Amino acid sequence: MSSDLDEIIFGIGPRFAEERERLGYTQGQLATRLATTERTLIDYESSKTPPKVPKLLLFWGIGADILYILTGERGPIEEGDEAPPASNLAAAMIGLTLSEEDADLVLALARRLAGR
């Protein structure tokens, strides 16, 4: 693995924690919202385990800046926005390798959002 990729991967955890704190959640509260355990959330935030796409999508749905978590670059977020613009999420996901299951979940979410 290149050092640039290492830097990106290990930066995800602290940025995940920063977004949790920015949104005002404790680890326990966010774990409940993301349908996971507090232990798993701690593993995400310590860069022990990267969050999977479905958890990132849930986090995005409650207002997290996924572009920032994945790249370190802030997307435009307005105070009171429930979720960042979809174009920012799409840009953050370019180049990600998804499992077939994750790709199906992303497609299902896109279809659901398009139906609104």
PDB file of N, CA and C in Angstrom:
ATOM      1  N   MET A   1       0.843  -1.175   0.000  1.00  0.00           N
ATOM      2  CA  MET A   1       0.000   0.000   0.000  1.00  0.00           C
ATOM      3  C   MET A   1       0.889   1.239   0.000  1.00  0.00           C
ATOM      4  N   SER A   2       0.502   2.219  -0.781  1.00  0.00           N
ATOM      5  CA  SER A   2       1.303   3.429  -0.833  1.00  0.00           C
ATOM      6  C   SER A   2       1.095   4.253   0.431  1.00  0.00           C
ATOM      7  N   SER A   3       2.060   5.123   0.715  1.00  0.00           N
ATOM      8  CA  SER A   3       1.932   5.948   1.916  1.00  0.00           C
ATOM      9  C   SER A   3       0.778   6.941   1.777  1.00  0.00           C
ATOM     10  N   ASP A   4       0.484   7.408   0.549  1.00  0.00           N
ATOM     11  CA  ASP A   4      -0.659   8.304   0.345  1.00  0.00           C
ATOM     12  C   ASP A   4      -1.965   7.597   0.686  1.00  0.00           C
ATOM     13  N   LEU A   5      -2.087   6.345   0.237  1.00  0.00           N
ATOM     14  CA  LEU A   5      -3.298   5.583   0.527  1.00  0.00           C
ATOM     15  C   LEU A   5      -3.392   5.300   2.018  1.00  0.00           C
ATOM     16  N   ASP A   6      -2.279   4.966   2.647  1.00  0.00           N
ATOM     17  CA  ASP A   6      -2.265   4.755   4.100  1.00  0.00           C
ATOM     18  C   ASP A   6      -2.768   6.004   4.822  1.00  0.00           C
ATOM     19  N   GLU A   7      -2.286   7.153   4.371  1.00  0.00           N
ATOM     20  CA  GLU A   7      -2.669   8.417   5.009  1.00  0.00           C
ATOM     21  C   GLU A   7      -4.175   8.665   4.878  1.00  0.00           C
ATOM     22  N   ILE A   8      -4.731   8.365   3.716  1.00  0.00           N
ATOM     23  CA  ILE A   8      -6.171   8.543   3.502  1.00  0.00           C
ATOM     24  C   ILE A   8      -6.954   7.586   4.386  1.00  0.00           C
ATOM     25  N   ILE A   9      -6.569   6.312   4.375  1.00  0.00           N
ATOM     26  CA  ILE A   9      -7.293   5.298   5.142  1.00  0.00           C
ATOM     27  C   ILE A   9      -7.236   5.604   6.632  1.00  0.00           C
ATOM     28  N   PHE A  10      -6.067   5.950   7.151  1.00  0.00           N
ATOM     29  CA  PHE A  10      -5.956   6.208   8.578  1.00  0.00           C
ATOM     30  C   PHE A  10      -6.540   7.554   8.981  1.00  0.00           C
ATOM     31  N   GLY A  11      -6.812   8.418   8.025  1.00  0.00           N
ATOM     32  CA  GLY A  11      -7.467   9.681   8.327  1.00  0.00           C
ATOM     33  C   GLY A  11      -8.971   9.552   8.447  1.00  0.00           C
ATOM     34  N   ILE A  12      -9.532   8.467   7.920  1.00  0.00           N
ATOM     35  CA  ILE A  12     -10.980   8.286   7.939  1.00  0.00           C
ATOM     36  C   ILE A  12     -11.506   8.208   9.372  1.00  0.00           C
ATOM     37  N   GLY A  13     -10.853   7.459  10.234  1.00  0.00           N
ATOM     38  CA  GLY A  13     -11.323   7.273  11.607  1.00  0.00           C
ATOM     39  C   GLY A  13     -11.457   8.572  12.389  1.00  0.00           C
ATOM     40  N   PRO A  14     -10.386   9.369  12.449  1.00  0.00           N
ATOM     41  CA  PRO A  14     -10.500  10.632  13.174  1.00  0.00           C
ATOM     42  C   PRO A  14     -11.530  11.587  12.564  1.00  0.00           C
ATOM     43  N   ARG A  15     -11.655  11.589  11.237  1.00  0.00           N
ATOM     44  CA  ARG A  15     -12.656  12.458  10.608  1.00  0.00           C
ATOM     45  C   ARG A  15     -14.075  11.944  10.878  1.00  0.00           C
ATOM     46  N   PHE A  16     -14.232  10.618  10.953  1.00  0.00           N
ATOM     47  CA  PHE A  16     -15.519  10.032  11.319  1.00  0.00           C
ATOM     48  C   PHE A  16     -15.911  10.521  12.714  1.00  0.00           C
ATOM     49  N   ALA A  17     -14.959  10.460  13.653  1.00  0.00           N
ATOM     50  CA  ALA A  17     -15.211  10.920  15.023  1.00  0.00           C
ATOM     51  C   ALA A  17     -15.525  12.415  15.050  1.00  0.00           C
ATOM     52  N   GLU A  18     -14.803  13.179  14.247  1.00  0.00           N
ATOM     53  CA  GLU A  18     -15.035  14.630  14.198  1.00  0.00           C
ATOM     54  C   GLU A  18     -16.455  14.937  13.715  1.00  0.00           C
ATOM     55  N   GLU A  19     -16.916  14.207  12.708  1.00  0.00           N
ATOM     56  CA  GLU A  19     -18.280  14.416  12.210  1.00  0.00           C
ATOM     57  C   GLU A  19     -19.312  14.011  13.257  1.00  0.00           C
ATOM     58  N   ARG A  20     -19.057  12.915  13.957  1.00  0.00           N
ATOM     59  CA  ARG A  20     -19.976  12.500  15.028  1.00  0.00           C
ATOM     60  C   ARG A  20     -20.109  13.619  16.053  1.00  0.00           C
ATOM     61  N   GLU A  21     -18.977  14.169  16.468  1.00  0.00           N
ATOM     62  CA  GLU A  21     -18.980  15.236  17.464  1.00  0.00           C
ATOM     63  C   GLU A  21     -19.638  16.500  16.918  1.00  0.00           C
ATOM     64  N   ARG A  22     -19.378  16.829  15.641  1.00  0.00           N
ATOM     65  CA  ARG A  22     -19.982  18.021  15.041  1.00  0.00           C
ATOM     66  C   ARG A  22     -21.506  17.918  15.052  1.00  0.00           C
ATOM     67  N   LEU A  23     -22.008  16.698  14.854  1.00  0.00           N
ATOM     68  CA  LEU A  23     -23.458  16.491  14.833  1.00  0.00           C
ATOM     69  C   LEU A  23     -24.052  16.317  16.233  1.00  0.00           C
ATOM     70  N   GLY A  24     -23.189  16.265  17.258  1.00  0.00           N
ATOM     71  CA  GLY A  24     -23.673  16.231  18.632  1.00  0.00           C
ATOM     72  C   GLY A  24     -24.047  14.861  19.170  1.00  0.00           C
ATOM     73  N   TYR A  25     -23.512  13.810  18.581  1.00  0.00           N
ATOM     74  CA  TYR A  25     -23.819  12.454  19.047  1.00  0.00           C
ATOM     75  C   TYR A  25     -22.708  11.906  19.935  1.00  0.00           C
ATOM     76  N   THR A  26     -23.090  11.129  20.945  1.00  0.00           N
ATOM     77  CA  THR A  26     -22.119  10.315  21.674  1.00  0.00           C
ATOM     78  C   THR A  26     -21.863   9.074  20.820  1.00  0.00           C
ATOM     79  N   GLN A  27     -20.842   8.317  21.172  1.00  0.00           N
ATOM     80  CA  GLN A  27     -20.584   7.084  20.430  1.00  0.00           C
ATOM     81  C   GLN A  27     -21.773   6.127  20.545  1.00  0.00           C
ATOM     82  N   GLY A  28     -22.343   6.024  21.717  1.00  0.00           N
ATOM     83  CA  GLY A  28     -23.492   5.139  21.914  1.00  0.00           C
ATOM     84  C   GLY A  28     -24.710   5.565  21.105  1.00  0.00           C
ATOM     85  N   GLN A  29     -24.975   6.873  21.088  1.00  0.00           N
ATOM     86  CA  GLN A  29     -26.123   7.381  20.327  1.00  0.00           C
ATOM     87  C   GLN A  29     -25.956   7.127  18.833  1.00  0.00           C
ATOM     88  N   LEU A  30     -24.751   7.404  18.325  1.00  0.00           N
ATOM     89  CA  LEU A  30     -24.533   7.205  16.888  1.00  0.00           C
ATOM     90  C   LEU A  30     -24.551   5.721  16.536  1.00  0.00           C
ATOM     91  N   ALA A  31     -24.009   4.886  17.400  1.00  0.00           N
ATOM     92  CA  ALA A  31     -24.053   3.443  17.146  1.00  0.00           C
ATOM     93  C   ALA A  31     -25.500   2.986  16.982  1.00  0.00           C
ATOM     94  N   THR A  32     -26.383   3.481  17.827  1.00  0.00           N
ATOM     95  CA  THR A  32     -27.801   3.134  17.717  1.00  0.00           C
ATOM     96  C   THR A  32     -28.375   3.625  16.398  1.00  0.00           C
ATOM     97  N   ARG A  33     -28.086   4.873  16.028  1.00  0.00           N
ATOM     98  CA  ARG A  33     -28.602   5.436  14.768  1.00  0.00           C
ATOM     99  C   ARG A  33     -28.088   4.676  13.544  1.00  0.00           C
ATOM    100  N   LEU A  34     -26.862   4.139  13.639  1.00  0.00           N
ATOM    101  CA  LEU A  34     -26.265   3.419  12.505  1.00  0.00           C
ATOM    102  C   LEU A  34     -26.518   1.914  12.576  1.00  0.00           C
ATOM    103  N   ALA A  35     -27.308   1.495  13.552  1.00  0.00           N
ATOM    104  CA  ALA A  35     -27.636   0.069  13.718  1.00  0.00           C
ATOM    105  C   ALA A  35     -26.376  -0.787  13.834  1.00  0.00           C
ATOM    106  N   THR A  36     -25.490  -0.346  14.724  1.00  0.00           N
ATOM    107  CA  THR A  36     -24.260  -1.088  14.978  1.00  0.00           C
ATOM    108  C   THR A  36     -23.969  -1.033  16.469  1.00  0.00           C
ATOM    109  N   THR A  37     -22.832  -1.558  16.866  1.00  0.00           N
ATOM    110  CA  THR A  37     -22.462  -1.533  18.280  1.00  0.00           C
ATOM    111  C   THR A  37     -21.514  -0.375  18.566  1.00  0.00           C
ATOM    112  N   GLU A  38     -21.463   0.008  19.814  1.00  0.00           N
ATOM    113  CA  GLU A  38     -20.520   1.057  20.212  1.00  0.00           C
ATOM    114  C   GLU A  38     -19.084   0.592  19.961  1.00  0.00           C
ATOM    115  N   ARG A  39     -18.818  -0.682  20.165  1.00  0.00           N
ATOM    116  CA  ARG A  39     -17.476  -1.243  19.920  1.00  0.00           C
ATOM    117  C   ARG A  39     -17.077  -1.060  18.454  1.00  0.00           C
ATOM    118  N   THR A  40     -18.017  -1.321  17.542  1.00  0.00           N
ATOM    119  CA  THR A  40     -17.739  -1.150  16.114  1.00  0.00           C
ATOM    120  C   THR A  40     -17.447   0.311  15.805  1.00  0.00           C
ATOM    121  N   LEU A  41     -18.220   1.214  16.399  1.00  0.00           N
ATOM    122  CA  LEU A  41     -18.005   2.635  16.181  1.00  0.00           C
ATOM    123  C   LEU A  41     -16.624   3.055  16.693  1.00  0.00           C
ATOM    124  N   ILE A  42     -16.230   2.544  17.830  1.00  0.00           N
ATOM    125  CA  ILE A  42     -14.903   2.832  18.371  1.00  0.00           C
ATOM    126  C   ILE A  42     -13.829   2.324  17.407  1.00  0.00           C
ATOM    127  N   ASP A  43     -14.052   1.149  16.825  1.00  0.00           N
ATOM    128  CA  ASP A  43     -13.101   0.603  15.839  1.00  0.00           C
ATOM    129  C   ASP A  43     -13.017   1.495  14.608  1.00  0.00           C
ATOM    130  N   TYR A  44     -14.162   2.049  14.154  1.00  0.00           N
ATOM    131  CA  TYR A  44     -14.137   2.985  13.027  1.00  0.00           C
ATOM    132  C   TYR A  44     -13.287   4.201  13.380  1.00  0.00           C
ATOM    133  N   GLU A  45     -13.567   4.779  14.541  1.00  0.00           N
ATOM    134  CA  GLU A  45     -12.937   6.038  14.921  1.00  0.00           C
ATOM    135  C   GLU A  45     -11.449   5.895  15.233  1.00  0.00           C
ATOM    136  N   SER A  46     -11.021   4.699  15.601  1.00  0.00           N
ATOM    137  CA  SER A  46      -9.601   4.479  15.882  1.00  0.00           C
ATOM    138  C   SER A  46      -8.862   3.951  14.651  1.00  0.00           C
ATOM    139  N   SER A  47      -9.553   3.910  13.519  1.00  0.00           N
ATOM    140  CA  SER A  47      -8.994   3.421  12.252  1.00  0.00           C
ATOM    141  C   SER A  47      -8.617   1.943  12.297  1.00  0.00           C
ATOM    142  N   LYS A  48      -9.186   1.215  13.258  1.00  0.00           N
ATOM    143  CA  LYS A  48      -8.943  -0.220  13.325  1.00  0.00           C
ATOM    144  C   LYS A  48      -9.706  -0.937  12.211  1.00  0.00           C
ATOM    145  N   THR A  49     -10.935  -0.453  11.942  1.00  0.00           N
ATOM    146  CA  THR A  49     -11.785  -1.011  10.905  1.00  0.00           C
ATOM    147  C   THR A  49     -12.428   0.137  10.136  1.00  0.00           C
ATOM    148  N   PRO A  50     -12.343   0.140   8.798  1.00  0.00           N
ATOM    149  CA  PRO A  50     -13.018   1.215   8.063  1.00  0.00           C
ATOM    150  C   PRO A  50     -14.523   0.970   8.014  1.00  0.00           C
ATOM    151  N   PRO A  51     -15.316   2.036   8.066  1.00  0.00           N
ATOM    152  CA  PRO A  51     -16.767   1.853   7.964  1.00  0.00           C
ATOM    153  C   PRO A  51     -17.147   1.364   6.572  1.00  0.00           C
ATOM    154  N   LYS A  52     -18.147   0.495   6.523  1.00  0.00           N
ATOM    155  CA  LYS A  52     -18.629  -0.010   5.237  1.00  0.00           C
ATOM    156  C   LYS A  52     -19.619   0.981   4.639  1.00  0.00           C
ATOM    157  N   VAL A  53     -19.798   0.872   3.344  1.00  0.00           N
ATOM    158  CA  VAL A  53     -20.643   1.816   2.612  1.00  0.00           C
ATOM    159  C   VAL A  53     -22.045   1.964   3.212  1.00  0.00           C
ATOM    160  N   PRO A  54     -22.743   0.881   3.583  1.00  0.00           N
ATOM    161  CA  PRO A  54     -24.087   1.086   4.150  1.00  0.00           C
ATOM    162  C   PRO A  54     -24.078   1.961   5.408  1.00  0.00           C
ATOM    163  N   LYS A  55     -23.057   1.826   6.249  1.00  0.00           N
ATOM    164  CA  LYS A  55     -22.976   2.661   7.457  1.00  0.00           C
ATOM    165  C   LYS A  55     -22.674   4.112   7.083  1.00  0.00           C
ATOM    166  N   LEU A  56     -21.812   4.303   6.079  1.00  0.00           N
ATOM    167  CA  LEU A  56     -21.529   5.663   5.625  1.00  0.00           C
ATOM    168  C   LEU A  56     -22.788   6.315   5.059  1.00  0.00           C
ATOM    169  N   LEU A  57     -23.588   5.541   4.332  1.00  0.00           N
ATOM    170  CA  LEU A  57     -24.827   6.089   3.779  1.00  0.00           C
ATOM    171  C   LEU A  57     -25.810   6.475   4.881  1.00  0.00           C
ATOM    172  N   LEU A  58     -25.904   5.640   5.910  1.00  0.00           N
ATOM    173  CA  LEU A  58     -26.764   5.991   7.046  1.00  0.00           C
ATOM    174  C   LEU A  58     -26.263   7.261   7.732  1.00  0.00           C
ATOM    175  N   PHE A  59     -24.951   7.361   7.902  1.00  0.00           N
ATOM    176  CA  PHE A  59     -24.351   8.528   8.542  1.00  0.00           C
ATOM    177  C   PHE A  59     -24.608   9.772   7.690  1.00  0.00           C
ATOM    178  N   TRP A  60     -24.469   9.641   6.382  1.00  0.00           N
ATOM    179  CA  TRP A  60     -24.749  10.740   5.465  1.00  0.00           C
ATOM    180  C   TRP A  60     -26.207  11.186   5.609  1.00  0.00           C
ATOM    181  N   GLY A  61     -27.098  10.215   5.773  1.00  0.00           N
ATOM    182  CA  GLY A  61     -28.520  10.516   5.887  1.00  0.00           C
ATOM    183  C   GLY A  61     -28.892  11.333   7.112  1.00  0.00           C
ATOM    184  N   ILE A  62     -28.023  11.339   8.135  1.00  0.00           N
ATOM    185  CA  ILE A  62     -28.310  12.155   9.320  1.00  0.00           C
ATOM    186  C   ILE A  62     -27.437  13.414   9.370  1.00  0.00           C
ATOM    187  N   GLY A  63     -26.784  13.708   8.232  1.00  0.00           N
ATOM    188  CA  GLY A  63     -26.094  14.990   8.129  1.00  0.00           C
ATOM    189  C   GLY A  63     -24.583  14.964   8.073  1.00  0.00           C
ATOM    190  N   ALA A  64     -23.956  13.795   8.102  1.00  0.00           N
ATOM    191  CA  ALA A  64     -22.491  13.739   8.069  1.00  0.00           C
ATOM    192  C   ALA A  64     -21.970  14.141   6.689  1.00  0.00           C
ATOM    193  N   ASP A  65     -20.841  14.786   6.675  1.00  0.00           N
ATOM    194  CA  ASP A  65     -20.161  15.168   5.430  1.00  0.00           C
ATOM    195  C   ASP A  65     -19.260  14.004   5.027  1.00  0.00           C
ATOM    196  N   ILE A  66     -19.791  13.118   4.206  1.00  0.00           N
ATOM    197  CA  ILE A  66     -19.058  11.919   3.802  1.00  0.00           C
ATOM    198  C   ILE A  66     -17.871  12.272   2.928  1.00  0.00           C
ATOM    199  N   LEU A  67     -17.994  13.309   2.130  1.00  0.00           N
ATOM    200  CA  LEU A  67     -16.858  13.762   1.328  1.00  0.00           C
ATOM    201  C   LEU A  67     -15.676  14.074   2.248  1.00  0.00           C
ATOM    202  N   TYR A  68     -15.949  14.754   3.338  1.00  0.00           N
ATOM    203  CA  TYR A  68     -14.895  15.083   4.302  1.00  0.00           C
ATOM    204  C   TYR A  68     -14.318  13.826   4.959  1.00  0.00           C
ATOM    205  N   ILE A  69     -15.188  12.926   5.371  1.00  0.00           N
ATOM    206  CA  ILE A  69     -14.712  11.701   6.027  1.00  0.00           C
ATOM    207  C   ILE A  69     -13.783  10.925   5.102  1.00  0.00           C
ATOM    208  N   LEU A  70     -14.154  10.811   3.834  1.00  0.00           N
ATOM    209  CA  LEU A  70     -13.371   9.998   2.904  1.00  0.00           C
ATOM    210  C   LEU A  70     -12.141  10.695   2.354  1.00  0.00           C
ATOM    211  N   THR A  71     -12.208  12.015   2.181  1.00  0.00           N
ATOM    212  CA  THR A  71     -11.107  12.708   1.495  1.00  0.00           C
ATOM    213  C   THR A  71     -10.397  13.760   2.326  1.00  0.00           C
ATOM    214  N   GLY A  72     -11.036  14.217   3.385  1.00  0.00           N
ATOM    215  CA  GLY A  72     -10.460  15.303   4.168  1.00  0.00           C
ATOM    216  C   GLY A  72     -10.838  16.675   3.634  1.00  0.00           C
ATOM    217  N   GLU A  73     -11.630  16.730   2.553  1.00  0.00           N
ATOM    218  CA  GLU A  73     -12.072  17.998   1.981  1.00  0.00           C
ATOM    219  C   GLU A  73     -13.539  18.203   2.305  1.00  0.00           C
ATOM    220  N   ARG A  74     -13.854  19.358   2.866  1.00  0.00           N
ATOM    221  CA  ARG A  74     -15.230  19.654   3.249  1.00  0.00           C
ATOM    222  C   ARG A  74     -16.099  19.925   2.041  1.00  0.00           C
ATOM    223  N   GLY A  75     -17.290  19.360   2.070  1.00  0.00           N
ATOM    224  CA  GLY A  75     -18.322  19.708   1.103  1.00  0.00           C
ATOM    225  C   GLY A  75     -19.137  20.829   1.705  1.00  0.00           C
ATOM    226  N   PRO A  76     -19.898  21.536   0.884  1.00  0.00           N
ATOM    227  CA  PRO A  76     -20.718  22.621   1.434  1.00  0.00           C
ATOM    228  C   PRO A  76     -21.859  22.064   2.286  1.00  0.00           C
ATOM    229  N   ILE A  77     -21.897  22.443   3.554  1.00  0.00           N
ATOM    230  CA  ILE A  77     -22.966  22.018   4.456  1.00  0.00           C
ATOM    231  C   ILE A  77     -23.559  23.275   5.064  1.00  0.00           C
ATOM    232  N   GLU A  78     -24.828  23.415   4.897  1.00  0.00           N
ATOM    233  CA  GLU A  78     -25.543  24.550   5.479  1.00  0.00           C
ATOM    234  C   GLU A  78     -26.050  24.141   6.854  1.00  0.00           C
ATOM    235  N   GLU A  79     -26.031  25.051   7.787  1.00  0.00           N
ATOM    236  CA  GLU A  79     -26.571  24.778   9.117  1.00  0.00           C
ATOM    237  C   GLU A  79     -28.029  24.369   8.987  1.00  0.00           C
ATOM    238  N   GLY A  80     -28.386  23.263   9.606  1.00  0.00           N
ATOM    239  CA  GLY A  80     -29.753  22.788   9.546  1.00  0.00           C
ATOM    240  C   GLY A  80     -30.032  21.832   8.403  1.00  0.00           C
ATOM    241  N   ASP A  81     -29.080  21.640   7.483  1.00  0.00           N
ATOM    242  CA  ASP A  81     -29.278  20.669   6.408  1.00  0.00           C
ATOM    243  C   ASP A  81     -29.362  19.279   7.008  1.00  0.00           C
ATOM    244  N   GLU A  82     -30.293  18.494   6.515  1.00  0.00           N
ATOM    245  CA  GLU A  82     -30.400  17.124   7.003  1.00  0.00           C
ATOM    246  C   GLU A  82     -29.344  16.245   6.360  1.00  0.00           C
ATOM    247  N   ALA A  83     -29.034  16.472   5.092  1.00  0.00           N
ATOM    248  CA  ALA A  83     -28.028  15.684   4.395  1.00  0.00           C
ATOM    249  C   ALA A  83     -27.349  16.568   3.365  1.00  0.00           C
ATOM    250  N   PRO A  84     -26.048  16.346   3.122  1.00  0.00           N
ATOM    251  CA  PRO A  84     -25.345  17.110   2.104  1.00  0.00           C
ATOM    252  C   PRO A  84     -25.913  16.793   0.719  1.00  0.00           C
ATOM    253  N   PRO A  85     -25.650  17.661  -0.260  1.00  0.00           N
ATOM    254  CA  PRO A  85     -26.135  17.383  -1.608  1.00  0.00           C
ATOM    255  C   PRO A  85     -25.631  16.034  -2.117  1.00  0.00           C
ATOM    256  N   ALA A  86     -26.481  15.331  -2.865  1.00  0.00           N
ATOM    257  CA  ALA A  86     -26.129  14.010  -3.389  1.00  0.00           C
ATOM    258  C   ALA A  86     -24.908  14.066  -4.287  1.00  0.00           C
ATOM    259  N   SER A  87     -24.692  15.190  -4.982  1.00  0.00           N
ATOM    260  CA  SER A  87     -23.530  15.287  -5.866  1.00  0.00           C
ATOM    261  C   SER A  87     -22.235  15.162  -5.080  1.00  0.00           C
ATOM    262  N   ASN A  88     -22.206  15.669  -3.831  1.00  0.00           N
ATOM    263  CA  ASN A  88     -21.012  15.530  -2.999  1.00  0.00           C
ATOM    264  C   ASN A  88     -20.781  14.075  -2.628  1.00  0.00           C
ATOM    265  N   LEU A  89     -21.861  13.359  -2.321  1.00  0.00           N
ATOM    266  CA  LEU A  89     -21.731  11.955  -1.981  1.00  0.00           C
ATOM    267  C   LEU A  89     -21.232  11.176  -3.189  1.00  0.00           C
ATOM    268  N   ALA A  90     -21.792  11.451  -4.356  1.00  0.00           N
ATOM    269  CA  ALA A  90     -21.368  10.745  -5.565  1.00  0.00           C
ATOM    270  C   ALA A  90     -19.885  11.016  -5.840  1.00  0.00           C
ATOM    271  N   ALA A  91     -19.461  12.256  -5.687  1.00  0.00           N
ATOM    272  CA  ALA A  91     -18.063  12.588  -5.928  1.00  0.00           C
ATOM    273  C   ALA A  91     -17.151  11.856  -4.954  1.00  0.00           C
ATOM    274  N   ALA A  92     -17.587  11.726  -3.711  1.00  0.00           N
ATOM    275  CA  ALA A  92     -16.771  11.037  -2.708  1.00  0.00           C
ATOM    276  C   ALA A  92     -16.648   9.552  -3.012  1.00  0.00           C
ATOM    277  N   MET A  93     -17.651   8.993  -3.676  1.00  0.00           N
ATOM    278  CA  MET A  93     -17.658   7.561  -3.921  1.00  0.00           C
ATOM    279  C   MET A  93     -16.933   7.165  -5.205  1.00  0.00           C
ATOM    280  N   ILE A  94     -16.596   8.132  -6.056  1.00  0.00           N
ATOM    281  CA  ILE A  94     -15.884   7.815  -7.286  1.00  0.00           C
ATOM    282  C   ILE A  94     -14.566   7.143  -6.936  1.00  0.00           C
ATOM    283  N   GLY A  95     -14.323   6.031  -7.556  1.00  0.00           N
ATOM    284  CA  GLY A  95     -13.082   5.308  -7.336  1.00  0.00           C
ATOM    285  C   GLY A  95     -13.136   4.288  -6.218  1.00  0.00           C
ATOM    286  N   LEU A  96     -14.241   4.236  -5.453  1.00  0.00           N
ATOM    287  CA  LEU A  96     -14.365   3.230  -4.411  1.00  0.00           C
ATOM    288  C   LEU A  96     -14.654   1.875  -5.046  1.00  0.00           C
ATOM    289  N   THR A  97     -14.095   0.846  -4.483  1.00  0.00           N
ATOM    290  CA  THR A  97     -14.407  -0.505  -4.913  1.00  0.00           C
ATOM    291  C   THR A  97     -15.470  -1.043  -3.969  1.00  0.00           C
ATOM    292  N   LEU A  98     -16.619  -1.377  -4.530  1.00  0.00           N
ATOM    293  CA  LEU A  98     -17.732  -1.854  -3.724  1.00  0.00           C
ATOM    294  C   LEU A  98     -17.933  -3.344  -3.936  1.00  0.00           C
ATOM    295  N   SER A  99     -18.305  -4.021  -2.869  1.00  0.00           N
ATOM    296  CA  SER A  99     -18.716  -5.410  -3.012  1.00  0.00           C
ATOM    297  C   SER A  99     -20.042  -5.411  -3.767  1.00  0.00           C
ATOM    298  N   GLU A 100     -20.434  -6.551  -4.271  1.00  0.00           N
ATOM    299  CA  GLU A 100     -21.708  -6.631  -4.980  1.00  0.00           C
ATOM    300  C   GLU A 100     -22.863  -6.252  -4.055  1.00  0.00           C
ATOM    301  N   GLU A 101     -22.786  -6.688  -2.806  1.00  0.00           N
ATOM    302  CA  GLU A 101     -23.830  -6.372  -1.833  1.00  0.00           C
ATOM    303  C   GLU A 101     -23.907  -4.858  -1.582  1.00  0.00           C
ATOM    304  N   ASP A 102     -22.744  -4.207  -1.396  1.00  0.00           N
ATOM    305  CA  ASP A 102     -22.729  -2.765  -1.168  1.00  0.00           C
ATOM    306  C   ASP A 102     -23.229  -2.012  -2.396  1.00  0.00           C
ATOM    307  N   ALA A 103     -22.831  -2.468  -3.583  1.00  0.00           N
ATOM    308  CA  ALA A 103     -23.291  -1.823  -4.817  1.00  0.00           C
ATOM    309  C   ALA A 103     -24.809  -1.923  -4.937  1.00  0.00           C
ATOM    310  N   ASP A 104     -25.372  -3.071  -4.586  1.00  0.00           N
ATOM    311  CA  ASP A 104     -26.825  -3.238  -4.613  1.00  0.00           C
ATOM    312  C   ASP A 104     -27.506  -2.286  -3.628  1.00  0.00           C
ATOM    313  N   LEU A 105     -26.913  -2.119  -2.433  1.00  0.00           N
ATOM    314  CA  LEU A 105     -27.483  -1.204  -1.441  1.00  0.00           C
ATOM    315  C   LEU A 105     -27.448   0.244  -1.918  1.00  0.00           C
ATOM    316  N   VAL A 106     -26.333   0.633  -2.526  1.00  0.00           N
ATOM    317  CA  VAL A 106     -26.207   2.002  -3.041  1.00  0.00           C
ATOM    318  C   VAL A 106     -27.234   2.229  -4.149  1.00  0.00           C
ATOM    319  N   LEU A 107     -27.371   1.258  -5.035  1.00  0.00           N
ATOM    320  CA  LEU A 107     -28.343   1.380  -6.121  1.00  0.00           C
ATOM    321  C   LEU A 107     -29.773   1.460  -5.570  1.00  0.00           C
ATOM    322  N   ALA A 108     -30.090   0.635  -4.588  1.00  0.00           N
ATOM    323  CA  ALA A 108     -31.428   0.658  -3.987  1.00  0.00           C
ATOM    324  C   ALA A 108     -31.696   2.012  -3.337  1.00  0.00           C
ATOM    325  N   LEU A 109     -30.693   2.567  -2.638  1.00  0.00           N
ATOM    326  CA  LEU A 109     -30.858   3.873  -2.018  1.00  0.00           C
ATOM    327  C   LEU A 109     -31.073   4.943  -3.076  1.00  0.00           C
ATOM    328  N   ALA A 110     -30.304   4.898  -4.156  1.00  0.00           N
ATOM    329  CA  ALA A 110     -30.446   5.890  -5.225  1.00  0.00           C
ATOM    330  C   ALA A 110     -31.843   5.816  -5.833  1.00  0.00           C
ATOM    331  N   ARG A 111     -32.325   4.607  -6.041  1.00  0.00           N
ATOM    332  CA  ARG A 111     -33.678   4.446  -6.599  1.00  0.00           C
ATOM    333  C   ARG A 111     -34.734   4.988  -5.636  1.00  0.00           C
ATOM    334  N   ARG A 112     -34.538   4.721  -4.356  1.00  0.00           N
ATOM    335  CA  ARG A 112     -35.491   5.201  -3.354  1.00  0.00           C
ATOM    336  C   ARG A 112     -35.511   6.727  -3.300  1.00  0.00           C
ATOM    337  N   LEU A 113     -34.318   7.335  -3.337  1.00  0.00           N
ATOM    338  CA  LEU A 113     -34.243   8.782  -3.284  1.00  0.00           C
ATOM    339  C   LEU A 113     -34.825   9.411  -4.551  1.00  0.00           C
ATOM    340  N   ALA A 114     -34.625   8.780  -5.682  1.00  0.00           N
ATOM    341  CA  ALA A 114     -35.144   9.301  -6.947  1.00  0.00           C
ATOM    342  C   ALA A 114     -36.669   9.249  -6.974  1.00  0.00           C
ATOM    343  N   GLY A 115     -37.250   8.339  -6.205  1.00  0.00           N
ATOM    344  CA  GLY A 115     -38.694   8.192  -6.180  1.00  0.00           C
ATOM    345  C   GLY A 115     -39.403   9.218  -5.320  1.00  0.00           C
ATOM    346  N   ARG A 116     -38.643  10.033  -4.593  1.00  0.00           N
ATOM    347  CA  ARG A 116     -39.267  11.038  -3.714  1.00  0.00           C
ATOM    348  C   ARG A 116     -39.873  12.161  -4.490  1.00  0.00           C
TER     349      ARG A 116
END
